[in-house]
C-alpha atoms as a PDB file:
ATOM      1  CA  MET A   1     141.069 109.126 128.178  1.00  0.00           C
ATOM      2  CA  ARG A   2     141.898 112.570 126.918  1.00  0.00           C
ATOM      3  CA  PHE A   3     144.878 114.869 126.970  1.00  0.00           C
ATOM      4  CA  HIS A   4     145.269 118.566 126.396  1.00  0.00           C
ATOM      5  CA  ASN A   5     147.823 120.688 124.574  1.00  0.00           C
ATOM      6  CA  ILE A   6     150.040 123.528 125.757  1.00  0.00           C
ATOM      7  CA  PRO A   7     152.697 125.561 123.925  1.00  0.00           C
ATOM      8  CA  VAL A   8     156.159 124.011 124.267  1.00  0.00           C
ATOM      9  CA  ARG A   9     157.389 127.257 125.847  1.00  0.00           C
ATOM     10  CA  ASP A  10     155.272 126.379 128.937  1.00  0.00           C
ATOM     11  CA  ILE A  11     156.628 122.850 129.422  1.00  0.00           C
ATOM     12  CA  MET A  12     158.950 123.592 132.361  1.00  0.00           C
ATOM     13  CA  GLN A  13     156.348 125.664 134.197  1.00  0.00           C
ATOM     14  CA  GLU A  14     153.698 122.966 133.795  1.00  0.00           C
ATOM     15  CA  ALA A  15     156.118 120.174 134.763  1.00  0.00           C
ATOM     16  CA  VAL A  16     156.838 121.996 138.019  1.00  0.00           C
ATOM     17  CA  ARG A  17     153.154 122.834 138.556  1.00  0.00           C
ATOM     18  CA  TYR A  18     152.064 119.202 138.272  1.00  0.00           C
ATOM     19  CA  GLY A  19     155.234 117.522 139.516  1.00  0.00           C
ATOM     20  CA  GLY A  20     155.237 115.905 136.100  1.00  0.00           C
ATOM     21  CA  VAL A  21     157.676 113.925 133.997  1.00  0.00           C
ATOM     22  CA  ILE A  22     158.888 115.485 130.740  1.00  0.00           C
ATOM     23  CA  VAL A  23     158.989 112.792 128.046  1.00  0.00           C
ATOM     24  CA  ASP A  24     161.056 113.330 124.901  1.00  0.00           C
ATOM     25  CA  VAL A  25     159.667 110.951 122.262  1.00  0.00           C
ATOM     26  CA  ARG A  26     162.426 111.543 119.699  1.00  0.00           C
ATOM     27  CA  THR A  27     165.083 108.963 118.902  1.00  0.00           C
ATOM     28  CA  GLU A  28     167.930 108.378 121.336  1.00  0.00           C
ATOM     29  CA  GLU A  29     170.375 110.039 118.927  1.00  0.00           C
ATOM     30  CA  GLU A  30     168.235 113.189 118.724  1.00  0.00           C
ATOM     31  CA  PHE A  31     167.818 113.201 122.509  1.00  0.00           C
ATOM     32  CA  LEU A  32     171.582 113.010 123.090  1.00  0.00           C
ATOM     33  CA  ARG A  33     172.213 115.961 120.771  1.00  0.00           C
ATOM     34  CA  GLY A  34     170.090 118.163 123.020  1.00  0.00           C
ATOM     35  CA  HIS A  35     166.946 117.894 125.098  1.00  0.00           C
ATOM     36  CA  ILE A  36     164.822 119.891 127.488  1.00  0.00           C
ATOM     37  CA  PRO A  37     166.295 119.736 131.005  1.00  0.00           C
ATOM     38  CA  MET A  38     164.919 116.939 133.231  1.00  0.00           C
ATOM     39  CA  ALA A  39     163.474 115.090 130.233  1.00  0.00           C
ATOM     40  CA  VAL A  40     163.531 111.323 129.941  1.00  0.00           C
ATOM     41  CA  ASN A  41     163.826 109.704 126.541  1.00  0.00           C
ATOM     42  CA  VAL A  42     161.134 107.249 125.495  1.00  0.00           C
ATOM     43  CA  PRO A  43     161.150 107.068 121.694  1.00  0.00           C
ATOM     44  CA  LEU A  44     157.775 107.066 119.958  1.00  0.00           C
ATOM     45  CA  SER A  45     158.502 103.603 118.536  1.00  0.00           C
ATOM     46  CA  ASP A  46     158.863 102.245 122.086  1.00  0.00           C
ATOM     47  CA  ILE A  47     155.550 103.817 123.059  1.00  0.00           C
ATOM     48  CA  GLN A  48     153.874 102.329 119.987  1.00  0.00           C
ATOM     49  CA  TYR A  49     155.131  98.857 120.946  1.00  0.00           C
ATOM     50  CA  GLY A  50     154.393  99.243 124.662  1.00  0.00           C
ATOM     51  CA  ASN A  51     158.105  99.077 125.503  1.00  0.00           C
ATOM     52  CA  TYR A  52     158.250 101.687 128.266  1.00  0.00           C
ATOM     53  CA  ASN A  53     157.981 102.054 132.028  1.00  0.00           C
ATOM     54  CA  LEU A  54     156.569 105.407 133.103  1.00  0.00           C
ATOM     55  CA  PRO A  55     154.924 106.292 136.424  1.00  0.00           C
ATOM     56  CA  LYS A  56     151.125 106.194 136.273  1.00  0.00           C
ATOM     57  CA  ASN A  57     150.827 108.511 139.272  1.00  0.00           C
ATOM     58  CA  LYS A  58     152.565 111.428 137.509  1.00  0.00           C
ATOM     59  CA  VAL A  59     151.464 113.773 134.752  1.00  0.00           C
ATOM     60  CA  LEU A  60     153.472 113.122 131.584  1.00  0.00           C
ATOM     61  CA  LEU A  61     154.416 116.059 129.353  1.00  0.00           C
ATOM     62  CA  THR A  62     155.313 114.898 125.847  1.00  0.00           C
ATOM     63  CA  TYR A  63     157.373 116.670 123.220  1.00  0.00           C
ATOM     64  CA  CYS A  64     159.171 115.783 119.994  1.00  0.00           C
ATOM     65  CA  GLN A  65     160.970 117.602 117.182  1.00  0.00           C
ATOM     66  CA  TYR A  66     158.029 119.430 115.547  1.00  0.00           C
ATOM     67  CA  GLY A  67     154.865 118.371 117.395  1.00  0.00           C
ATOM     68  CA  GLY A  68     153.302 115.505 115.447  1.00  0.00           C
ATOM     69  CA  GLY A  69     155.075 112.623 117.173  1.00  0.00           C
ATOM     70  CA  SER A  70     154.325 113.922 120.642  1.00  0.00           C
ATOM     71  CA  ALA A  71     150.608 114.219 119.802  1.00  0.00           C
ATOM     72  CA  LEU A  72     150.548 110.561 118.757  1.00  0.00           C
ATOM     73  CA  ALA A  73     152.493 109.568 121.872  1.00  0.00           C
ATOM     74  CA  ALA A  74     150.104 111.592 124.051  1.00  0.00           C
ATOM     75  CA  ARG A  75     147.119 109.842 122.508  1.00  0.00           C
ATOM     76  CA  LEU A  76     148.627 106.375 122.997  1.00  0.00           C
ATOM     77  CA  LEU A  77     149.713 107.072 126.575  1.00  0.00           C
ATOM     78  CA  SER A  78     146.340 108.607 127.384  1.00  0.00           C
ATOM     79  CA  GLN A  79     144.588 105.515 126.014  1.00  0.00           C
ATOM     80  CA  ALA A  80     146.847 103.417 128.266  1.00  0.00           C
ATOM     81  CA  GLY A  81     145.551 105.292 131.311  1.00  0.00           C
ATOM     82  CA  TYR A  82     148.209 107.957 131.809  1.00  0.00           C
ATOM     83  CA  LYS A  83     147.538 111.618 132.588  1.00  0.00           C
ATOM     84  CA  VAL A  84     149.155 113.437 129.675  1.00  0.00           C
ATOM     85  CA  ILE A  85     149.829 116.977 128.526  1.00  0.00           C
ATOM     86  CA  ASN A  86     151.108 117.335 124.967  1.00  0.00           C
ATOM     87  CA  THR A  87     153.293 120.265 123.958  1.00  0.00           C
ATOM     88  CA  VAL A  88     152.669 121.955 120.629  1.00  0.00           C
ATOM     89  CA  GLY A  89     155.560 123.184 118.506  1.00  0.00           C
ATOM     90  CA  GLY A  90     158.259 120.681 119.356  1.00  0.00           C
ATOM     91  CA  ILE A  91     161.780 121.335 120.473  1.00  0.00           C
ATOM     92  CA  VAL A  92     162.384 123.532 117.410  1.00  0.00           C
ATOM     93  CA  GLN A  93     160.154 126.173 119.050  1.00  0.00           C
ATOM     94  CA  TYR A  94     161.551 125.731 122.564  1.00  0.00           C
ATOM     95  CA  LYS A  95     163.595 128.806 123.499  1.00  0.00           C
ATOM     96  CA  GLY A  96     165.168 127.596 126.764  1.00  0.00           C
ATOM     97  CA  ALA A  97     168.582 126.059 127.328  1.00  0.00           C
ATOM     98  CA  LEU A  98     169.074 122.442 126.312  1.00  0.00           C
ATOM     99  CA  THR A  99     170.923 119.658 128.073  1.00  0.00           C
ATOM    100  CA  LYS A 100     173.449 117.942 125.805  1.00  0.00           C
ATOM    101  CA  ASN A 101     174.975 114.521 126.322  1.00  0.00           C
ATOM    102  CA  ARG A 102     177.597 114.760 123.581  1.00  0.00           C
END
């Protein structure tokens, strides 16, 4: 399977458009310090080991800190049969408000 890339600035718009799930693939600690609203945290290491439970009937929108980890996650999830959109630029280029858990 394949996935396509969008700029991280478009993640919220595309999530709404597709009714998708925003997946933050950073570590739990990074996620708690601040994440894109409505995101769920599934660290890249969990994806690599198949330790995740994500809905197959939804589009997944992946992001990470800078962009490399989310591309790998998108490839792995796509190979597992998920519909995936990867965001380019990572959270460092995201200009919207963040949700913080600490």
